[in-house]
């Protein structure tokens, strides 16, 4: 059982190490914004604001020549807040 647990941990770490640094930065940014907003407003509203910011940033990137518009950046920004909001709703901590 210990070997199978070590195998799962190794697979998870390999997966996480293969995520590009840019996507990790977007995820961290989305998490920071989401947690900050949660001090002031409901978590669902925090999630909606994070999604709006993520999409807005990608629209902005599309208007600049030296920026690259990437829908996966918006996804990476919003995925962790979406997971946290889902868990909060499922557990009933509204």
C-alpha atoms as a PDB file:
ATOM      1  CA  UNK A   1       0.000   0.000   0.000  1.00  0.00           C
ATOM      2  CA  UNK A   2       2.878   2.364   0.714  1.00  0.00           C
ATOM      3  CA  UNK A   3       4.286   1.778  -2.765  1.00  0.00           C
ATOM      4  CA  UNK A   4       0.952   2.526  -4.404  1.00  0.00           C
ATOM      5  CA  UNK A   5       0.617   5.743  -2.360  1.00  0.00           C
ATOM      6  CA  UNK A   6       4.147   6.764  -3.345  1.00  0.00           C
ATOM      7  CA  UNK A   7       3.254   5.991  -6.955  1.00  0.00           C
ATOM      8  CA  UNK A   8       0.189   8.257  -6.804  1.00  0.00           C
ATOM      9  CA  UNK A   9       2.174  11.054  -5.198  1.00  0.00           C
ATOM     10  CA  UNK A  10       4.853  10.722  -7.869  1.00  0.00           C
ATOM     11  CA  UNK A  11       2.217  10.909 -10.629  1.00  0.00           C
ATOM     12  CA  UNK A  12       0.655  14.009  -9.063  1.00  0.00           C
ATOM     13  CA  UNK A  13       4.026  15.731  -8.722  1.00  0.00           C
ATOM     14  CA  UNK A  14       4.919  14.855 -12.314  1.00  0.00           C
ATOM     15  CA  UNK A  15       1.606  16.312 -13.487  1.00  0.00           C
ATOM     16  CA  UNK A  16       2.111  19.513 -11.480  1.00  0.00           C
ATOM     17  CA  UNK A  17       5.684  19.907 -12.725  1.00  0.00           C
ATOM     18  CA  UNK A  18       4.460  19.693 -16.331  1.00  0.00           C
ATOM     19  CA  UNK A  19       2.107  22.666 -15.925  1.00  0.00           C
ATOM     20  CA  UNK A  20       3.698  25.752 -17.537  1.00  0.00           C
ATOM     21  CA  UNK A  21       4.886  28.460 -15.138  1.00  0.00           C
ATOM     22  CA  UNK A  22       2.570  30.983 -16.817  1.00  0.00           C
ATOM     23  CA  UNK A  23      -0.513  28.896 -15.990  1.00  0.00           C
ATOM     24  CA  UNK A  24       0.691  28.434 -12.393  1.00  0.00           C
ATOM     25  CA  UNK A  25       1.066  32.224 -12.101  1.00  0.00           C
ATOM     26  CA  UNK A  26      -2.460  32.761 -13.445  1.00  0.00           C
ATOM     27  CA  UNK A  27      -3.841  30.197 -10.975  1.00  0.00           C
ATOM     28  CA  UNK A  28      -2.046  31.857  -8.082  1.00  0.00           C
ATOM     29  CA  UNK A  29      -3.302  35.285  -9.175  1.00  0.00           C
ATOM     30  CA  UNK A  30      -6.884  34.049  -9.393  1.00  0.00           C
ATOM     31  CA  UNK A  31      -6.589  32.439  -5.961  1.00  0.00           C
ATOM     32  CA  UNK A  32      -5.196  35.616  -4.380  1.00  0.00           C
ATOM     33  CA  UNK A  33      -7.918  37.817  -5.888  1.00  0.00           C
ATOM     34  CA  UNK A  34     -10.634  35.323  -4.903  1.00  0.00           C
ATOM     35  CA  UNK A  35      -9.442  35.045  -1.305  1.00  0.00           C
ATOM     36  CA  UNK A  36      -9.075  38.813  -0.965  1.00  0.00           C
ATOM     37  CA  UNK A  37     -12.607  39.401  -2.259  1.00  0.00           C
ATOM     38  CA  UNK A  38     -14.001  36.745   0.109  1.00  0.00           C
ATOM     39  CA  UNK A  39     -13.210  39.055   3.030  1.00  0.00           C
ATOM     40  CA  UNK A  40     -15.769  41.529   1.699  1.00  0.00           C
ATOM     41  CA  UNK A  41     -18.357  39.651  -0.384  1.00  0.00           C
ATOM     42  CA  UNK A  42     -19.984  36.230  -0.840  1.00  0.00           C
ATOM     43  CA  UNK A  43     -17.741  33.595  -2.431  1.00  0.00           C
ATOM     44  CA  UNK A  44     -19.995  33.215  -5.482  1.00  0.00           C
ATOM     45  CA  UNK A  45     -19.693  36.935  -6.222  1.00  0.00           C
ATOM     46  CA  UNK A  46     -15.935  36.636  -5.713  1.00  0.00           C
ATOM     47  CA  UNK A  47     -15.863  33.861  -8.305  1.00  0.00           C
ATOM     48  CA  UNK A  48     -17.876  35.907 -10.801  1.00  0.00           C
ATOM     49  CA  UNK A  49     -15.493  38.853 -10.361  1.00  0.00           C
ATOM     50  CA  UNK A  50     -12.442  36.606 -10.847  1.00  0.00           C
ATOM     51  CA  UNK A  51     -13.968  35.217 -14.062  1.00  0.00           C
ATOM     52  CA  UNK A  52     -14.720  38.736 -15.321  1.00  0.00           C
ATOM     53  CA  UNK A  53     -11.162  39.849 -14.516  1.00  0.00           C
ATOM     54  CA  UNK A  54      -9.695  36.763 -16.228  1.00  0.00           C
ATOM     55  CA  UNK A  55     -11.712  37.274 -19.403  1.00  0.00           C
ATOM     56  CA  UNK A  56     -11.065  41.012 -19.355  1.00  0.00           C
ATOM     57  CA  UNK A  57      -7.330  40.466 -19.112  1.00  0.00           C
ATOM     58  CA  UNK A  58      -7.387  38.130 -22.094  1.00  0.00           C
ATOM     59  CA  UNK A  59      -9.445  40.619 -24.109  1.00  0.00           C
ATOM     60  CA  UNK A  60      -6.862  43.265 -23.175  1.00  0.00           C
ATOM     61  CA  UNK A  61      -4.035  40.938 -24.246  1.00  0.00           C
ATOM     62  CA  UNK A  62      -5.765  40.513 -27.598  1.00  0.00           C
ATOM     63  CA  UNK A  63      -5.592  44.269 -28.223  1.00  0.00           C
ATOM     64  CA  UNK A  64      -1.841  44.566 -27.616  1.00  0.00           C
ATOM     65  CA  UNK A  65       0.782  43.496 -30.135  1.00  0.00           C
ATOM     66  CA  UNK A  66       3.337  42.298 -27.595  1.00  0.00           C
ATOM     67  CA  UNK A  67       0.801  40.226 -25.606  1.00  0.00           C
ATOM     68  CA  UNK A  68      -0.550  36.797 -26.452  1.00  0.00           C
ATOM     69  CA  UNK A  69      -4.255  36.121 -26.048  1.00  0.00           C
ATOM     70  CA  UNK A  70      -4.780  32.639 -24.597  1.00  0.00           C
ATOM     71  CA  UNK A  71      -8.131  31.274 -23.441  1.00  0.00           C
ATOM     72  CA  UNK A  72      -6.283  28.780 -21.228  1.00  0.00           C
ATOM     73  CA  UNK A  73      -4.871  31.679 -19.205  1.00  0.00           C
ATOM     74  CA  UNK A  74      -8.427  32.711 -18.314  1.00  0.00           C
ATOM     75  CA  UNK A  75      -9.266  29.097 -17.497  1.00  0.00           C
ATOM     76  CA  UNK A  76      -6.171  28.760 -15.293  1.00  0.00           C
ATOM     77  CA  UNK A  77      -7.082  31.969 -13.472  1.00  0.00           C
ATOM     78  CA  UNK A  78     -10.613  30.824 -12.670  1.00  0.00           C
ATOM     79  CA  UNK A  79     -10.238  27.077 -12.069  1.00  0.00           C
ATOM     80  CA  UNK A  80      -9.038  27.114  -8.448  1.00  0.00           C
ATOM     81  CA  UNK A  81     -11.629  29.691  -7.323  1.00  0.00           C
ATOM     82  CA  UNK A  82     -14.300  27.636  -9.125  1.00  0.00           C
ATOM     83  CA  UNK A  83     -13.223  24.468  -7.321  1.00  0.00           C
ATOM     84  CA  UNK A  84     -13.149  26.235  -3.957  1.00  0.00           C
ATOM     85  CA  UNK A  85     -16.596  27.763  -4.527  1.00  0.00           C
ATOM     86  CA  UNK A  86     -17.979  24.360  -5.509  1.00  0.00           C
ATOM     87  CA  UNK A  87     -16.569  22.727  -2.396  1.00  0.00           C
ATOM     88  CA  UNK A  88     -17.946  25.535  -0.236  1.00  0.00           C
ATOM     89  CA  UNK A  89     -21.399  25.137  -1.773  1.00  0.00           C
ATOM     90  CA  UNK A  90     -21.345  21.356  -1.441  1.00  0.00           C
ATOM     91  CA  UNK A  91     -20.350  21.544   2.209  1.00  0.00           C
ATOM     92  CA  UNK A  92     -22.961  24.205   2.919  1.00  0.00           C
ATOM     93  CA  UNK A  93     -20.669  26.938   4.216  1.00  0.00           C
ATOM     94  CA  UNK A  94     -22.547  29.779   2.564  1.00  0.00           C
END
